[in-house]
Amino acid sequence: MASCLLFRLTPGDDLFLGMEQFIARNNIRSAAIITCVGSLSKAMIRFADQQDGMSRHWKDRFKLYPW
């Protein structure tokens, strides 16, 4: 049975830690992120199509918007 859950982080919260805590609190075993909106102060993207596992890192203010 599918269900939809949502949560909010406050400025300065760690994204991965917040997700891990939310997953543990809600006993989530399998999930998909449908969309997100927010901001980050640093970001890292690992490009899936790069054979050397290339990634880029940024330290700045970023906004996340659903496309």
N, C-alpha and C. Protein backbone atom coordinates (compact mmCIF):
# COMPACT_ATOMS: atom_id res chain seq x y z
N MET A 1 0.84 -1.17 0.00
CA MET A 1 0.00 0.00 0.00
C MET A 1 0.89 1.24 0.00
N ALA A 2 0.61 2.16 -0.87
CA ALA A 2 1.39 3.39 -0.99
C ALA A 2 0.82 4.47 -0.08
N SER A 3 1.71 5.28 0.43
CA SER A 3 1.30 6.44 1.21
C SER A 3 2.24 7.59 0.91
N CYS A 4 1.80 8.78 1.22
CA CYS A 4 2.60 9.98 0.96
C CYS A 4 2.93 10.64 2.30
N LEU A 5 4.21 10.85 2.55
CA LEU A 5 4.66 11.50 3.76
C LEU A 5 5.45 12.75 3.39
N LEU A 6 5.48 13.72 4.27
CA LEU A 6 6.29 14.90 4.02
C LEU A 6 6.91 15.36 5.33
N PHE A 7 8.02 16.09 5.19
CA PHE A 7 8.65 16.65 6.37
C PHE A 7 9.36 17.94 5.99
N ARG A 8 9.66 18.71 7.02
CA ARG A 8 10.30 20.01 6.81
C ARG A 8 11.53 20.12 7.69
N LEU A 9 12.57 20.67 7.13
CA LEU A 9 13.79 20.98 7.87
C LEU A 9 13.86 22.49 8.05
N THR A 10 14.52 22.92 9.11
CA THR A 10 14.70 24.34 9.33
C THR A 10 16.09 24.77 8.87
N PRO A 11 16.31 26.06 8.62
CA PRO A 11 17.63 26.52 8.17
C PRO A 11 18.74 26.04 9.10
N GLY A 12 19.80 25.52 8.49
CA GLY A 12 20.93 25.01 9.25
C GLY A 12 20.86 23.52 9.52
N ASP A 13 19.70 22.89 9.32
CA ASP A 13 19.58 21.44 9.51
C ASP A 13 20.37 20.71 8.43
N ASP A 14 20.92 19.57 8.78
CA ASP A 14 21.63 18.72 7.84
C ASP A 14 20.62 17.89 7.05
N LEU A 15 20.66 17.97 5.73
CA LEU A 15 19.69 17.29 4.88
C LEU A 15 19.72 15.78 5.08
N PHE A 16 20.89 15.17 5.00
CA PHE A 16 20.98 13.71 5.12
C PHE A 16 20.61 13.23 6.52
N LEU A 17 21.06 13.92 7.55
CA LEU A 17 20.71 13.55 8.91
C LEU A 17 19.21 13.68 9.13
N GLY A 18 18.62 14.76 8.62
CA GLY A 18 17.18 14.94 8.73
C GLY A 18 16.40 13.84 8.04
N MET A 19 16.87 13.44 6.86
CA MET A 19 16.20 12.34 6.14
C MET A 19 16.36 11.03 6.90
N GLU A 20 17.56 10.75 7.40
CA GLU A 20 17.78 9.52 8.15
C GLU A 20 16.89 9.45 9.38
N GLN A 21 16.76 10.56 10.10
CA GLN A 21 15.91 10.58 11.30
C GLN A 21 14.44 10.39 10.94
N PHE A 22 14.00 11.03 9.86
CA PHE A 22 12.61 10.90 9.41
C PHE A 22 12.32 9.45 9.01
N ILE A 23 13.25 8.84 8.29
CA ILE A 23 13.10 7.45 7.86
C ILE A 23 13.01 6.53 9.07
N ALA A 24 13.89 6.72 10.04
CA ALA A 24 13.88 5.88 11.24
C ALA A 24 12.60 6.07 12.05
N ARG A 25 12.18 7.33 12.25
CA ARG A 25 10.96 7.61 13.02
C ARG A 25 9.73 6.99 12.40
N ASN A 26 9.70 6.93 11.08
CA ASN A 26 8.52 6.43 10.38
C ASN A 26 8.67 5.00 9.89
N ASN A 27 9.76 4.32 10.30
CA ASN A 27 9.99 2.92 9.95
C ASN A 27 9.86 2.70 8.43
N ILE A 28 10.47 3.57 7.67
CA ILE A 28 10.40 3.48 6.20
C ILE A 28 11.44 2.48 5.71
N ARG A 29 11.00 1.52 4.91
CA ARG A 29 11.90 0.50 4.38
C ARG A 29 12.16 0.69 2.89
N SER A 30 11.26 1.35 2.20
CA SER A 30 11.40 1.59 0.77
C SER A 30 10.68 2.89 0.45
N ALA A 31 11.31 3.75 -0.38
CA ALA A 31 10.71 5.05 -0.64
C ALA A 31 11.24 5.66 -1.93
N ALA A 32 10.57 6.67 -2.38
CA ALA A 32 11.00 7.49 -3.51
C ALA A 32 10.70 8.94 -3.18
N ILE A 33 11.62 9.82 -3.54
CA ILE A 33 11.38 11.25 -3.36
C ILE A 33 10.69 11.76 -4.62
N ILE A 34 9.50 12.27 -4.46
CA ILE A 34 8.71 12.74 -5.60
C ILE A 34 9.12 14.15 -5.99
N THR A 35 9.27 15.03 -5.03
CA THR A 35 9.65 16.41 -5.32
C THR A 35 10.22 17.05 -4.06
N CYS A 36 10.87 18.18 -4.22
CA CYS A 36 11.38 18.91 -3.06
C CYS A 36 11.52 20.38 -3.41
N VAL A 37 11.43 21.21 -2.40
CA VAL A 37 11.62 22.65 -2.53
C VAL A 37 12.43 23.07 -1.32
N GLY A 38 13.42 23.92 -1.50
CA GLY A 38 14.19 24.36 -0.35
C GLY A 38 15.46 25.07 -0.75
N SER A 39 16.38 25.16 0.20
CA SER A 39 17.65 25.82 -0.06
C SER A 39 18.77 25.06 0.63
N LEU A 40 19.97 25.19 0.08
CA LEU A 40 21.16 24.55 0.62
C LEU A 40 22.27 25.56 0.71
N SER A 41 23.21 25.34 1.62
CA SER A 41 24.38 26.21 1.69
C SER A 41 25.59 25.59 1.01
N LYS A 42 25.55 24.26 0.79
CA LYS A 42 26.57 23.59 -0.01
C LYS A 42 25.93 22.39 -0.69
N ALA A 43 26.49 22.00 -1.82
CA ALA A 43 25.91 20.91 -2.60
C ALA A 43 27.01 20.12 -3.30
N MET A 44 26.73 18.83 -3.56
CA MET A 44 27.62 17.98 -4.31
C MET A 44 26.77 17.15 -5.26
N ILE A 45 27.16 17.12 -6.51
CA ILE A 45 26.47 16.31 -7.50
C ILE A 45 27.46 15.32 -8.08
N ARG A 46 27.10 14.05 -8.07
CA ARG A 46 27.90 13.01 -8.71
C ARG A 46 27.22 12.67 -10.03
N PHE A 47 27.95 12.81 -11.11
CA PHE A 47 27.40 12.58 -12.44
C PHE A 47 27.38 11.09 -12.75
N ALA A 48 26.21 10.55 -12.99
CA ALA A 48 26.05 9.12 -13.20
C ALA A 48 26.68 8.64 -14.50
N ASP A 49 26.79 9.49 -15.50
CA ASP A 49 27.29 9.05 -16.80
C ASP A 49 28.81 9.18 -16.94
N GLN A 50 29.51 9.48 -15.86
CA GLN A 50 30.96 9.64 -15.90
C GLN A 50 31.63 8.36 -15.41
N GLN A 51 32.54 7.81 -16.18
CA GLN A 51 33.20 6.57 -15.80
C GLN A 51 34.13 6.74 -14.61
N ASP A 52 34.69 7.92 -14.42
CA ASP A 52 35.62 8.14 -13.31
C ASP A 52 34.92 8.59 -12.03
N GLY A 53 33.57 8.56 -11.99
CA GLY A 53 32.83 8.97 -10.81
C GLY A 53 32.94 10.46 -10.52
N MET A 54 33.14 11.26 -11.57
CA MET A 54 33.33 12.70 -11.42
C MET A 54 32.19 13.34 -10.65
N SER A 55 32.53 14.26 -9.77
CA SER A 55 31.52 15.00 -9.03
C SER A 55 31.94 16.47 -8.96
N ARG A 56 30.98 17.32 -8.68
CA ARG A 56 31.23 18.76 -8.50
C ARG A 56 30.73 19.17 -7.14
N HIS A 57 31.47 20.06 -6.51
CA HIS A 57 31.11 20.58 -5.19
C HIS A 57 30.94 22.09 -5.28
N TRP A 58 29.94 22.61 -4.57
CA TRP A 58 29.70 24.04 -4.51
C TRP A 58 29.49 24.44 -3.06
N LYS A 59 29.95 25.63 -2.68
CA LYS A 59 29.65 26.22 -1.37
C LYS A 59 29.10 27.61 -1.65
N ASP A 60 27.83 27.76 -1.47
CA ASP A 60 27.12 29.00 -1.75
C ASP A 60 25.69 28.81 -1.26
N ARG A 61 24.80 29.68 -1.64
CA ARG A 61 23.38 29.50 -1.32
C ARG A 61 22.67 29.02 -2.57
N PHE A 62 21.89 27.96 -2.43
CA PHE A 62 21.19 27.36 -3.56
C PHE A 62 19.72 27.20 -3.21
N LYS A 63 18.89 27.30 -4.21
CA LYS A 63 17.47 27.03 -4.06
C LYS A 63 17.14 25.76 -4.84
N LEU A 64 16.28 24.93 -4.30
CA LEU A 64 15.80 23.73 -4.97
C LEU A 64 14.35 23.94 -5.37
N TYR A 65 14.04 23.70 -6.63
CA TYR A 65 12.68 23.86 -7.13
C TYR A 65 12.29 22.61 -7.90
N PRO A 66 11.03 22.21 -7.82
CA PRO A 66 10.56 21.10 -8.68
C PRO A 66 10.50 21.58 -10.13
N TRP A 67 10.88 20.74 -11.04
CA TRP A 67 10.87 21.12 -12.47
C TRP A 67 9.57 20.82 -13.08
